[in-house]
PDB file of N, CA and C in Angstrom:
ATOM      1  N   MET A   1     -30.437  42.107   3.877  1.00  0.00           N
ATOM      2  CA  MET A   1     -29.545  41.190   3.196  1.00  0.00           C
ATOM      3  C   MET A   1     -29.226  41.736   1.816  1.00  0.00           C
ATOM      4  N   GLY A   2     -28.034  41.433   1.319  1.00  0.00           N
ATOM      5  CA  GLY A   2     -27.608  41.913   0.009  1.00  0.00           C
ATOM      6  C   GLY A   2     -28.303  41.166  -1.111  1.00  0.00           C
ATOM      7  N   GLN A   3     -28.473  41.842  -2.210  1.00  0.00           N
ATOM      8  CA  GLN A   3     -29.098  41.218  -3.370  1.00  0.00           C
ATOM      9  C   GLN A   3     -28.025  40.704  -4.304  1.00  0.00           C
ATOM     10  N   ARG A   4     -28.348  39.666  -5.018  1.00  0.00           N
ATOM     11  CA  ARG A   4     -27.426  39.132  -6.009  1.00  0.00           C
ATOM     12  C   ARG A   4     -27.492  40.000  -7.252  1.00  0.00           C
ATOM     13  N   SER A   5     -26.349  40.262  -7.831  1.00  0.00           N
ATOM     14  CA  SER A   5     -26.345  41.030  -9.069  1.00  0.00           C
ATOM     15  C   SER A   5     -26.149  40.078 -10.240  1.00  0.00           C
ATOM     16  N   THR A   6     -26.725  40.440 -11.377  1.00  0.00           N
ATOM     17  CA  THR A   6     -26.541  39.617 -12.569  1.00  0.00           C
ATOM     18  C   THR A   6     -25.195  39.929 -13.183  1.00  0.00           C
ATOM     19  N   ALA A   7     -24.803  39.161 -14.176  1.00  0.00           N
ATOM     20  CA  ALA A   7     -23.487  39.316 -14.777  1.00  0.00           C
ATOM     21  C   ALA A   7     -23.344  40.639 -15.522  1.00  0.00           C
ATOM     22  N   ARG A   8     -24.434  41.201 -16.002  1.00  0.00           N
ATOM     23  CA  ARG A   8     -24.347  42.430 -16.800  1.00  0.00           C
ATOM     24  C   ARG A   8     -24.447  43.694 -15.961  1.00  0.00           C
ATOM     25  N   GLU A   9     -24.891  43.594 -14.715  1.00  0.00           N
ATOM     26  CA  GLU A   9     -25.015  44.788 -13.895  1.00  0.00           C
ATOM     27  C   GLU A   9     -23.639  45.225 -13.411  1.00  0.00           C
ATOM     28  N   PRO A  10     -23.396  46.526 -13.347  1.00  0.00           N
ATOM     29  CA  PRO A  10     -22.112  46.985 -12.830  1.00  0.00           C
ATOM     30  C   PRO A  10     -21.997  46.683 -11.340  1.00  0.00           C
ATOM     31  N   SER A  11     -20.776  46.534 -10.878  1.00  0.00           N
ATOM     32  CA  SER A  11     -20.561  46.253  -9.465  1.00  0.00           C
ATOM     33  C   SER A  11     -20.812  47.514  -8.645  1.00  0.00           C
ATOM     34  N   SER A  12     -20.734  47.380  -7.334  1.00  0.00           N
ATOM     35  CA  SER A  12     -21.037  48.504  -6.452  1.00  0.00           C
ATOM     36  C   SER A  12     -20.029  49.641  -6.608  1.00  0.00           C
ATOM     37  N   ALA A  13     -18.831  49.359  -7.110  1.00  0.00           N
ATOM     38  CA  ALA A  13     -17.827  50.402  -7.293  1.00  0.00           C
ATOM     39  C   ALA A  13     -18.002  51.134  -8.618  1.00  0.00           C
ATOM     40  N   GLY A  14     -19.036  50.791  -9.385  1.00  0.00           N
ATOM     41  CA  GLY A  14     -19.287  51.455 -10.642  1.00  0.00           C
ATOM     42  C   GLY A  14     -18.508  50.870 -11.806  1.00  0.00           C
ATOM     43  N   GLN A  15     -17.848  49.745 -11.600  1.00  0.00           N
ATOM     44  CA  GLN A  15     -17.084  49.110 -12.662  1.00  0.00           C
ATOM     45  C   GLN A  15     -17.956  48.066 -13.353  1.00  0.00           C
ATOM     46  N   ALA A  16     -17.617  47.777 -14.605  1.00  0.00           N
ATOM     47  CA  ALA A  16     -18.335  46.738 -15.345  1.00  0.00           C
ATOM     48  C   ALA A  16     -17.991  45.377 -14.749  1.00  0.00           C
ATOM     49  N   ALA A  17     -18.937  44.451 -14.854  1.00  0.00           N
ATOM     50  CA  ALA A  17     -18.715  43.113 -14.329  1.00  0.00           C
ATOM     51  C   ALA A  17     -17.633  42.408 -15.136  1.00  0.00           C
ATOM     52  N   LYS A  18     -16.832  41.606 -14.453  1.00  0.00           N
ATOM     53  CA  LYS A  18     -15.747  40.872 -15.115  1.00  0.00           C
ATOM     54  C   LYS A  18     -16.342  39.708 -15.897  1.00  0.00           C
ATOM     55  N   PRO A  19     -15.982  39.553 -17.156  1.00  0.00           N
ATOM     56  CA  PRO A  19     -16.545  38.454 -17.947  1.00  0.00           C
ATOM     57  C   PRO A  19     -16.019  37.105 -17.459  1.00  0.00           C
ATOM     58  N   PRO A  20     -16.801  36.055 -17.648  1.00  0.00           N
ATOM     59  CA  PRO A  20     -16.335  34.722 -17.246  1.00  0.00           C
ATOM     60  C   PRO A  20     -15.210  34.245 -18.152  1.00  0.00           C
ATOM     61  N   LEU A  21     -14.478  33.267 -17.669  1.00  0.00           N
ATOM     62  CA  LEU A  21     -13.398  32.673 -18.436  1.00  0.00           C
ATOM     63  C   LEU A  21     -13.967  31.927 -19.637  1.00  0.00           C
ATOM     64  N   HIS A  22     -13.256  31.943 -20.760  1.00  0.00           N
ATOM     65  CA  HIS A  22     -13.735  31.269 -21.974  1.00  0.00           C
ATOM     66  C   HIS A  22     -13.938  29.772 -21.677  1.00  0.00           C
ATOM     67  N   PRO A  23     -15.019  29.175 -22.203  1.00  0.00           N
ATOM     68  CA  PRO A  23     -15.317  27.768 -21.916  1.00  0.00           C
ATOM     69  C   PRO A  23     -14.208  26.787 -22.294  1.00  0.00           C
ATOM     70  N   LEU A  24     -13.455  27.073 -23.348  1.00  0.00           N
ATOM     71  CA  LEU A  24     -12.377  26.156 -23.722  1.00  0.00           C
ATOM     72  C   LEU A  24     -11.237  26.176 -22.707  1.00  0.00           C
ATOM     73  N   TRP A  25     -10.978  27.329 -22.096  1.00  0.00           N
ATOM     74  CA  TRP A  25      -9.982  27.385 -21.025  1.00  0.00           C
ATOM     75  C   TRP A  25     -10.459  26.603 -19.818  1.00  0.00           C
ATOM     76  N   VAL A  26     -11.749  26.745 -19.497  1.00  0.00           N
ATOM     77  CA  VAL A  26     -12.305  25.994 -18.375  1.00  0.00           C
ATOM     78  C   VAL A  26     -12.206  24.497 -18.653  1.00  0.00           C
ATOM     79  N   LEU A  27     -12.489  24.085 -19.888  1.00  0.00           N
ATOM     80  CA  LEU A  27     -12.381  22.677 -20.259  1.00  0.00           C
ATOM     81  C   LEU A  27     -10.954  22.172 -20.086  1.00  0.00           C
ATOM     82  N   LEU A  28      -9.984  22.914 -20.565  1.00  0.00           N
ATOM     83  CA  LEU A  28      -8.589  22.500 -20.451  1.00  0.00           C
ATOM     84  C   LEU A  28      -8.165  22.383 -18.983  1.00  0.00           C
ATOM     85  N   ILE A  29      -8.532  23.359 -18.186  1.00  0.00           N
ATOM     86  CA  ILE A  29      -8.166  23.335 -16.773  1.00  0.00           C
ATOM     87  C   ILE A  29      -8.884  22.200 -16.051  1.00  0.00           C
ATOM     88  N   ALA A  30     -10.154  21.940 -16.403  1.00  0.00           N
ATOM     89  CA  ALA A  30     -10.899  20.852 -15.778  1.00  0.00           C
ATOM     90  C   ALA A  30     -10.295  19.493 -16.126  1.00  0.00           C
ATOM     91  N   ILE A  31      -9.735  19.374 -17.322  1.00  0.00           N
ATOM     92  CA  ILE A  31      -9.084  18.109 -17.707  1.00  0.00           C
ATOM     93  C   ILE A  31      -7.805  17.909 -16.896  1.00  0.00           C
ATOM     94  N   LEU A  32      -7.053  18.972 -16.695  1.00  0.00           N
ATOM     95  CA  LEU A  32      -5.782  18.864 -15.990  1.00  0.00           C
ATOM     96  C   LEU A  32      -5.930  18.793 -14.471  1.00  0.00           C
ATOM     97  N   LEU A  33      -6.883  19.518 -13.921  1.00  0.00           N
ATOM     98  CA  LEU A  33      -7.056  19.596 -12.467  1.00  0.00           C
ATOM     99  C   LEU A  33      -8.515  19.310 -12.093  1.00  0.00           C
ATOM    100  N   PRO A  34      -8.797  18.125 -11.581  1.00  0.00           N
ATOM    101  CA  PRO A  34     -10.192  17.784 -11.268  1.00  0.00           C
ATOM    102  C   PRO A  34     -10.788  18.716 -10.211  1.00  0.00           C
ATOM    103  N   GLY A  35     -11.994  19.197 -10.478  1.00  0.00           N
ATOM    104  CA  GLY A  35     -12.708  20.058  -9.541  1.00  0.00           C
ATOM    105  C   GLY A  35     -12.434  21.538  -9.706  1.00  0.00           C
ATOM    106  N   VAL A  36     -11.348  21.903 -10.364  1.00  0.00           N
ATOM    107  CA  VAL A  36     -10.999  23.313 -10.498  1.00  0.00           C
ATOM    108  C   VAL A  36     -11.872  23.988 -11.551  1.00  0.00           C
ATOM    109  N   GLY A  37     -12.385  23.242 -12.507  1.00  0.00           N
ATOM    110  CA  GLY A  37     -13.307  23.817 -13.483  1.00  0.00           C
ATOM    111  C   GLY A  37     -14.553  24.371 -12.818  1.00  0.00           C
ATOM    112  N   GLN A  38     -15.042  23.660 -11.803  1.00  0.00           N
ATOM    113  CA  GLN A  38     -16.206  24.151 -11.064  1.00  0.00           C
ATOM    114  C   GLN A  38     -15.843  25.388 -10.250  1.00  0.00           C
ATOM    115  N   VAL A  39     -14.638  25.426  -9.712  1.00  0.00           N
ATOM    116  CA  VAL A  39     -14.202  26.608  -8.960  1.00  0.00           C
ATOM    117  C   VAL A  39     -14.130  27.818  -9.884  1.00  0.00           C
ATOM    118  N   LEU A  40     -13.656  27.627 -11.105  1.00  0.00           N
ATOM    119  CA  LEU A  40     -13.603  28.726 -12.071  1.00  0.00           C
ATOM    120  C   LEU A  40     -14.996  29.191 -12.470  1.00  0.00           C
ATOM    121  N   ASN A  41     -15.983  28.314 -12.342  1.00  0.00           N
ATOM    122  CA  ASN A  41     -17.367  28.675 -12.640  1.00  0.00           C
ATOM    123  C   ASN A  41     -18.086  29.228 -11.410  1.00  0.00           C
ATOM    124  N   ASN A  42     -17.326  29.585 -10.390  1.00  0.00           N
ATOM    125  CA  ASN A  42     -17.857  30.152  -9.147  1.00  0.00           C
ATOM    126  C   ASN A  42     -18.774  29.196  -8.395  1.00  0.00           C
ATOM    127  N   THR A  43     -18.482  27.894  -8.467  1.00  0.00           N
ATOM    128  CA  THR A  43     -19.212  26.898  -7.685  1.00  0.00           C
ATOM    129  C   THR A  43     -18.208  25.996  -6.967  1.00  0.00           C
ATOM    130  N   PRO A  44     -17.478  26.545  -5.978  1.00  0.00           N
ATOM    131  CA  PRO A  44     -16.441  25.744  -5.319  1.00  0.00           C
ATOM    132  C   PRO A  44     -16.989  24.555  -4.539  1.00  0.00           C
ATOM    133  N   LYS A  45     -18.184  24.674  -3.979  1.00  0.00           N
ATOM    134  CA  LYS A  45     -18.763  23.534  -3.257  1.00  0.00           C
ATOM    135  C   LYS A  45     -19.015  22.367  -4.205  1.00  0.00           C
ATOM    136  N   ARG A  46     -19.416  22.685  -5.413  1.00  0.00           N
ATOM    137  CA  ARG A  46     -19.634  21.650  -6.427  1.00  0.00           C
ATOM    138  C   ARG A  46     -18.311  20.977  -6.789  1.00  0.00           C
ATOM    139  N   GLY A  47     -17.233  21.753  -6.871  1.00  0.00           N
ATOM    140  CA  GLY A  47     -15.916  21.193  -7.146  1.00  0.00           C
ATOM    141  C   GLY A  47     -15.451  20.257  -6.049  1.00  0.00           C
ATOM    142  N   VAL A  48     -15.678  20.642  -4.799  1.00  0.00           N
ATOM    143  CA  VAL A  48     -15.317  19.780  -3.669  1.00  0.00           C
ATOM    144  C   VAL A  48     -16.163  18.513  -3.696  1.00  0.00           C
ATOM    145  N   MET A  49     -17.442  18.643  -4.045  1.00  0.00           N
ATOM    146  CA  MET A  49     -18.311  17.477  -4.132  1.00  0.00           C
ATOM    147  C   MET A  49     -17.800  16.500  -5.190  1.00  0.00           C
ATOM    148  N   PHE A  50     -17.408  17.023  -6.353  1.00  0.00           N
ATOM    149  CA  PHE A  50     -16.871  16.150  -7.393  1.00  0.00           C
ATOM    150  C   PHE A  50     -15.583  15.478  -6.932  1.00  0.00           C
ATOM    151  N   LEU A  51     -14.706  16.209  -6.263  1.00  0.00           N
ATOM    152  CA  LEU A  51     -13.486  15.593  -5.749  1.00  0.00           C
ATOM    153  C   LEU A  51     -13.804  14.470  -4.770  1.00  0.00           C
ATOM    154  N   PHE A  52     -14.785  14.697  -3.906  1.00  0.00           N
ATOM    155  CA  PHE A  52     -15.188  13.662  -2.953  1.00  0.00           C
ATOM    156  C   PHE A  52     -15.658  12.408  -3.681  1.00  0.00           C
ATOM    157  N   PHE A  53     -16.500  12.583  -4.706  1.00  0.00           N
ATOM    158  CA  PHE A  53     -17.006  11.415  -5.427  1.00  0.00           C
ATOM    159  C   PHE A  53     -15.916  10.742  -6.260  1.00  0.00           C
ATOM    160  N   ILE A  54     -14.995  11.511  -6.817  1.00  0.00           N
ATOM    161  CA  ILE A  54     -13.884  10.910  -7.560  1.00  0.00           C
ATOM    162  C   ILE A  54     -13.067  10.020  -6.637  1.00  0.00           C
ATOM    163  N   MET A  55     -12.732  10.545  -5.472  1.00  0.00           N
ATOM    164  CA  MET A  55     -11.915   9.775  -4.528  1.00  0.00           C
ATOM    165  C   MET A  55     -12.676   8.584  -3.962  1.00  0.00           C
ATOM    166  N   SER A  56     -13.915   8.797  -3.534  1.00  0.00           N
ATOM    167  CA  SER A  56     -14.656   7.713  -2.877  1.00  0.00           C
ATOM    168  C   SER A  56     -15.041   6.611  -3.863  1.00  0.00           C
ATOM    169  N   LEU A  57     -15.507   6.965  -5.062  1.00  0.00           N
ATOM    170  CA  LEU A  57     -15.866   5.922  -6.020  1.00  0.00           C
ATOM    171  C   LEU A  57     -14.633   5.215  -6.577  1.00  0.00           C
ATOM    172  N   GLY A  58     -13.527   5.929  -6.695  1.00  0.00           N
ATOM    173  CA  GLY A  58     -12.278   5.270  -7.071  1.00  0.00           C
ATOM    174  C   GLY A  58     -11.840   4.271  -6.012  1.00  0.00           C
ATOM    175  N   TRP A  59     -11.992   4.642  -4.749  1.00  0.00           N
ATOM    176  CA  TRP A  59     -11.631   3.749  -3.644  1.00  0.00           C
ATOM    177  C   TRP A  59     -12.541   2.525  -3.612  1.00  0.00           C
ATOM    178  N   VAL A  60     -13.845   2.746  -3.800  1.00  0.00           N
ATOM    179  CA  VAL A  60     -14.796   1.632  -3.768  1.00  0.00           C
ATOM    180  C   VAL A  60     -14.514   0.650  -4.894  1.00  0.00           C
ATOM    181  N   THR A  61     -14.335   1.151  -6.108  1.00  0.00           N
ATOM    182  CA  THR A  61     -14.085   0.220  -7.210  1.00  0.00           C
ATOM    183  C   THR A  61     -12.717  -0.436  -7.088  1.00  0.00           C
ATOM    184  N   MET A  62     -11.770   0.219  -6.446  1.00  0.00           N
ATOM    185  CA  MET A  62     -10.472  -0.400  -6.228  1.00  0.00           C
ATOM    186  C   MET A  62     -10.616  -1.640  -5.340  1.00  0.00           C
ATOM    187  N   HIS A  63     -11.485  -1.551  -4.342  1.00  0.00           N
ATOM    188  CA  HIS A  63     -11.667  -2.676  -3.429  1.00  0.00           C
ATOM    189  C   HIS A  63     -12.638  -3.729  -3.960  1.00  0.00           C
ATOM    190  N   LEU A  64     -13.469  -3.375  -4.915  1.00  0.00           N
ATOM    191  CA  LEU A  64     -14.424  -4.340  -5.462  1.00  0.00           C
ATOM    192  C   LEU A  64     -13.930  -5.023  -6.736  1.00  0.00           C
ATOM    193  N   ALA A  65     -12.951  -4.435  -7.393  1.00  0.00           N
ATOM    194  CA  ALA A  65     -12.462  -5.000  -8.657  1.00  0.00           C
ATOM    195  C   ALA A  65     -11.621  -6.247  -8.392  1.00  0.00           C
ATOM    196  N   PRO A  66     -11.614  -7.171  -9.340  1.00  0.00           N
ATOM    197  CA  PRO A  66     -10.764  -8.368  -9.174  1.00  0.00           C
ATOM    198  C   PRO A  66      -9.284  -7.979  -9.225  1.00  0.00           C
ATOM    199  N   PRO A  67      -8.430  -8.776  -8.628  1.00  0.00           N
ATOM    200  CA  PRO A  67      -7.008  -8.431  -8.575  1.00  0.00           C
ATOM    201  C   PRO A  67      -6.326  -8.359  -9.942  1.00  0.00           C
ATOM    202  N   ASP A  68      -6.846  -9.063 -10.930  1.00  0.00           N
ATOM    203  CA  ASP A  68      -6.206  -9.046 -12.245  1.00  0.00           C
ATOM    204  C   ASP A  68      -6.743  -7.937 -13.160  1.00  0.00           C
ATOM    205  N   ALA A  69      -7.572  -7.038 -12.628  1.00  0.00           N
ATOM    206  CA  ALA A  69      -8.117  -5.934 -13.430  1.00  0.00           C
ATOM    207  C   ALA A  69      -7.025  -4.896 -13.690  1.00  0.00           C
ATOM    208  N   SER A  70      -7.173  -4.166 -14.786  1.00  0.00           N
ATOM    209  CA  SER A  70      -6.206  -3.112 -15.114  1.00  0.00           C
ATOM    210  C   SER A  70      -6.363  -1.934 -14.153  1.00  0.00           C
ATOM    211  N   PHE A  71      -5.426  -0.994 -14.248  1.00  0.00           N
ATOM    212  CA  PHE A  71      -5.501   0.200 -13.398  1.00  0.00           C
ATOM    213  C   PHE A  71      -6.798   0.958 -13.649  1.00  0.00           C
ATOM    214  N   LEU A  72      -7.150   1.094 -14.912  1.00  0.00           N
ATOM    215  CA  LEU A  72      -8.395   1.786 -15.263  1.00  0.00           C
ATOM    216  C   LEU A  72      -9.608   1.032 -14.713  1.00  0.00           C
ATOM    217  N   GLY A  73      -9.586  -0.275 -14.797  1.00  0.00           N
ATOM    218  CA  GLY A  73     -10.684  -1.082 -14.269  1.00  0.00           C
ATOM    219  C   GLY A  73     -10.781  -1.030 -12.758  1.00  0.00           C
ATOM    220  N   ARG A  74      -9.630  -0.956 -12.084  1.00  0.00           N
ATOM    221  CA  ARG A  74      -9.647  -0.900 -10.621  1.00  0.00           C
ATOM    222  C   ARG A  74     -10.151   0.448 -10.104  1.00  0.00           C
ATOM    223  N   HIS A  75     -10.033   1.492 -10.891  1.00  0.00           N
ATOM    224  CA  HIS A  75     -10.445   2.835 -10.454  1.00  0.00           C
ATOM    225  C   HIS A  75     -11.529   3.409 -11.361  1.00  0.00           C
ATOM    226  N   ALA A  76     -12.354   2.557 -11.932  1.00  0.00           N
ATOM    227  CA  ALA A  76     -13.348   2.986 -12.924  1.00  0.00           C
ATOM    228  C   ALA A  76     -14.346   3.988 -12.350  1.00  0.00           C
ATOM    229  N   GLY A  77     -14.751   3.824 -11.118  1.00  0.00           N
ATOM    230  CA  GLY A  77     -15.696   4.761 -10.510  1.00  0.00           C
ATOM    231  C   GLY A  77     -15.135   6.170 -10.426  1.00  0.00           C
ATOM    232  N   GLY A  78     -13.858   6.279 -10.075  1.00  0.00           N
ATOM    233  CA  GLY A  78     -13.212   7.587 -10.006  1.00  0.00           C
ATOM    234  C   GLY A  78     -13.065   8.228 -11.368  1.00  0.00           C
ATOM    235  N   PHE A  79     -12.681   7.418 -12.375  1.00  0.00           N
ATOM    236  CA  PHE A  79     -12.545   7.962 -13.721  1.00  0.00           C
ATOM    237  C   PHE A  79     -13.893   8.371 -14.299  1.00  0.00           C
ATOM    238  N   PHE A  80     -14.936   7.629 -13.964  1.00  0.00           N
ATOM    239  CA  PHE A  80     -16.281   7.989 -14.425  1.00  0.00           C
ATOM    240  C   PHE A  80     -16.700   9.330 -13.822  1.00  0.00           C
ATOM    241  N   SER A  81     -16.490   9.501 -12.527  1.00  0.00           N
ATOM    242  CA  SER A  81     -16.837  10.767 -11.874  1.00  0.00           C
ATOM    243  C   SER A  81     -15.991  11.916 -12.416  1.00  0.00           C
ATOM    244  N   TYR A  82     -14.745  11.632 -12.727  1.00  0.00           N
ATOM    245  CA  TYR A  82     -13.843  12.630 -13.305  1.00  0.00           C
ATOM    246  C   TYR A  82     -14.369  13.096 -14.658  1.00  0.00           C
ATOM    247  N   ALA A  83     -14.821  12.155 -15.484  1.00  0.00           N
ATOM    248  CA  ALA A  83     -15.372  12.505 -16.795  1.00  0.00           C
ATOM    249  C   ALA A  83     -16.639  13.342 -16.648  1.00  0.00           C
ATOM    250  N   ILE A  84     -17.484  12.990 -15.700  1.00  0.00           N
ATOM    251  CA  ILE A  84     -18.709  13.770 -15.455  1.00  0.00           C
ATOM    252  C   ILE A  84     -18.348  15.183 -14.993  1.00  0.00           C
ATOM    253  N   ALA A  85     -17.323  15.310 -14.137  1.00  0.00           N
ATOM    254  CA  ALA A  85     -16.905  16.628 -13.648  1.00  0.00           C
ATOM    255  C   ALA A  85     -16.390  17.501 -14.794  1.00  0.00           C
ATOM    256  N   ILE A  86     -15.665  16.894 -15.737  1.00  0.00           N
ATOM    257  CA  ILE A  86     -15.161  17.653 -16.886  1.00  0.00           C
ATOM    258  C   ILE A  86     -16.323  18.162 -17.738  1.00  0.00           C
ATOM    259  N   MET A  87     -17.270  17.279 -18.030  1.00  0.00           N
ATOM    260  CA  MET A  87     -18.424  17.689 -18.843  1.00  0.00           C
ATOM    261  C   MET A  87     -19.260  18.743 -18.132  1.00  0.00           C
ATOM    262  N   ASP A  88     -19.413  18.606 -16.821  1.00  0.00           N
ATOM    263  CA  ASP A  88     -20.190  19.572 -16.045  1.00  0.00           C
ATOM    264  C   ASP A  88     -19.530  20.957 -16.064  1.00  0.00           C
ATOM    265  N   ALA A  89     -18.229  20.988 -15.859  1.00  0.00           N
ATOM    266  CA  ALA A  89     -17.520  22.273 -15.851  1.00  0.00           C
ATOM    267  C   ALA A  89     -17.637  22.969 -17.202  1.00  0.00           C
ATOM    268  N   TYR A  90     -17.476  22.217 -18.287  1.00  0.00           N
ATOM    269  CA  TYR A  90     -17.564  22.822 -19.614  1.00  0.00           C
ATOM    270  C   TYR A  90     -18.981  23.297 -19.914  1.00  0.00           C
ATOM    271  N   ARG A  91     -19.964  22.500 -19.546  1.00  0.00           N
ATOM    272  CA  ARG A  91     -21.362  22.873 -19.810  1.00  0.00           C
ATOM    273  C   ARG A  91     -21.724  24.178 -19.101  1.00  0.00           C
ATOM    274  N   TRP A  92     -21.358  24.295 -17.822  1.00  0.00           N
ATOM    275  CA  TRP A  92     -21.693  25.505 -17.085  1.00  0.00           C
ATOM    276  C   TRP A  92     -20.855  26.689 -17.544  1.00  0.00           C
ATOM    277  N   ALA A  93     -19.642  26.452 -17.991  1.00  0.00           N
ATOM    278  CA  ALA A  93     -18.828  27.553 -18.530  1.00  0.00           C
ATOM    279  C   ALA A  93     -19.440  28.076 -19.818  1.00  0.00           C
ATOM    280  N   ARG A  94     -19.928  27.173 -20.675  1.00  0.00           N
ATOM    281  CA  ARG A  94     -20.608  27.607 -21.910  1.00  0.00           C
ATOM    282  C   ARG A  94     -21.860  28.410 -21.582  1.00  0.00           C
ATOM    283  N   TYR A  95     -22.625  27.944 -20.594  1.00  0.00           N
ATOM    284  CA  TYR A  95     -23.848  28.648 -20.197  1.00  0.00           C
ATOM    285  C   TYR A  95     -23.517  30.043 -19.676  1.00  0.00           C
ATOM    286  N   ARG A  96     -22.523  30.159 -18.799  1.00  0.00           N
ATOM    287  CA  ARG A  96     -22.148  31.455 -18.245  1.00  0.00           C
ATOM    288  C   ARG A  96     -21.628  32.390 -19.334  1.00  0.00           C
ATOM    289  N   TRP A  97     -20.857  31.845 -20.283  1.00  0.00           N
ATOM    290  CA  TRP A  97     -20.321  32.643 -21.387  1.00  0.00           C
ATOM    291  C   TRP A  97     -21.456  33.185 -22.251  1.00  0.00           C
ATOM    292  N   ALA A  98     -22.413  32.330 -22.591  1.00  0.00           N
ATOM    293  CA  ALA A  98     -23.537  32.751 -23.430  1.00  0.00           C
ATOM    294  C   ALA A  98     -24.417  33.756 -22.687  1.00  0.00           C
ATOM    295  N   PHE A  99     -24.625  33.556 -21.401  1.00  0.00           N
ATOM    296  CA  PHE A  99     -25.451  34.470 -20.618  1.00  0.00           C
ATOM    297  C   PHE A  99     -24.793  35.840 -20.525  1.00  0.00           C
ATOM    298  N   PHE A 100     -23.491  35.880 -20.356  1.00  0.00           N
ATOM    299  CA  PHE A 100     -22.801  37.154 -20.221  1.00  0.00           C
ATOM    300  C   PHE A 100     -22.757  37.912 -21.546  1.00  0.00           C
ATOM    301  N   HIS A 101     -22.595  37.190 -22.643  1.00  0.00           N
ATOM    302  CA  HIS A 101     -22.436  37.831 -23.943  1.00  0.00           C
ATOM    303  C   HIS A 101     -23.721  37.922 -24.759  1.00  0.00           C
ATOM    304  N   ARG A 102     -24.837  37.646 -24.163  1.00  0.00           N
ATOM    305  CA  ARG A 102     -26.093  37.736 -24.923  1.00  0.00           C
ATOM    306  C   ARG A 102     -26.427  39.196 -25.194  1.00  0.00           C
ATOM    307  N   ALA A 103     -27.225  39.395 -26.221  1.00  0.00           N
ATOM    308  CA  ALA A 103     -27.646  40.755 -26.577  1.00  0.00           C
ATOM    309  C   ALA A 103     -28.672  41.240 -25.562  1.00  0.00           C
ATOM    310  N   PRO A 104     -28.674  42.522 -25.245  1.00  0.00           N
ATOM    311  CA  PRO A 104     -29.670  43.030 -24.304  1.00  0.00           C
ATOM    312  C   PRO A 104     -31.078  42.861 -24.871  1.00  0.00           C
ATOM    313  N   ALA A 105     -32.014  42.637 -23.994  1.00  0.00           N
ATOM    314  CA  ALA A 105     -33.395  42.428 -24.409  1.00  0.00           C
ATOM    315  C   ALA A 105     -33.955  43.708 -25.025  1.00  0.00           C
ATOM    316  N   PRO A 106     -34.718  43.582 -26.105  1.00  0.00           N
ATOM    317  CA  PRO A 106     -35.309  44.780 -26.716  1.00  0.00           C
ATOM    318  C   PRO A 106     -36.356  45.378 -25.782  1.00  0.00           C
ATOM    319  N   THR A 107     -36.448  46.701 -25.812  1.00  0.00           N
ATOM    320  CA  THR A 107     -37.422  47.367 -24.953  1.00  0.00           C
ATOM    321  C   THR A 107     -38.780  47.365 -25.632  1.00  0.00           C
ATOM    322  N   ASP A 108     -39.807  47.307 -24.834  1.00  0.00           N
ATOM    323  CA  ASP A 108     -41.167  47.350 -25.360  1.00  0.00           C
ATOM    324  C   ASP A 108     -41.570  48.826 -25.414  1.00  0.00           C
ATOM    325  N   ASP A 109     -41.274  49.451 -26.544  1.00  0.00           N
ATOM    326  CA  ASP A 109     -41.517  50.869 -26.707  1.00  0.00           C
ATOM    327  C   ASP A 109     -42.756  51.070 -27.580  1.00  0.00           C
ATOM    328  N   ALA A 110     -43.634  51.917 -27.119  1.00  0.00           N
ATOM    329  CA  ALA A 110     -44.878  52.175 -27.864  1.00  0.00           C
ATOM    330  C   ALA A 110     -44.583  52.885 -29.193  1.00  0.00           C
ATOM    331  N   SER A 111     -43.496  53.645 -29.266  1.00  0.00           N
ATOM    332  CA  SER A 111     -43.194  54.389 -30.498  1.00  0.00           C
ATOM    333  C   SER A 111     -42.642  53.465 -31.570  1.00  0.00           C
ATOM    334  N   ALA A 112     -42.226  52.266 -31.225  1.00  0.00           N
ATOM    335  CA  ALA A 112     -41.661  51.344 -32.205  1.00  0.00           C
ATOM    336  C   ALA A 112     -42.749  50.626 -32.988  1.00  0.00           C
ATOM    337  N   ARG A 113     -43.993  50.756 -32.590  1.00  0.00           N
ATOM    338  CA  ARG A 113     -45.094  50.046 -33.280  1.00  0.00           C
ATOM    339  C   ARG A 113     -45.570  50.764 -34.477  1.00  0.00           C
TER     340      ARG A 113
END
């Protein structure tokens, strides 16, 4: 079975690994398109899961809310899941960005002592 490579290791073709998208771009895209922020973070299953919860919780609250509730109140479950998906996409984009751009670990060299 193939091994997973880290973000800093070169690919099998000898090229440097492609850096992740800047977290602010991921945030903007996640705000505009629900679930796509997770896809940009290389977790498409997570994006589909968020879309499922946005749709299902929006549907549930639509049927449980009173008829005189506002649009936001009728779909509160979907909007809540949408907000969580945005925060999740940005958090993981920041983590991936920091992991890719971190300084290499210092070597434990006996001559440095």
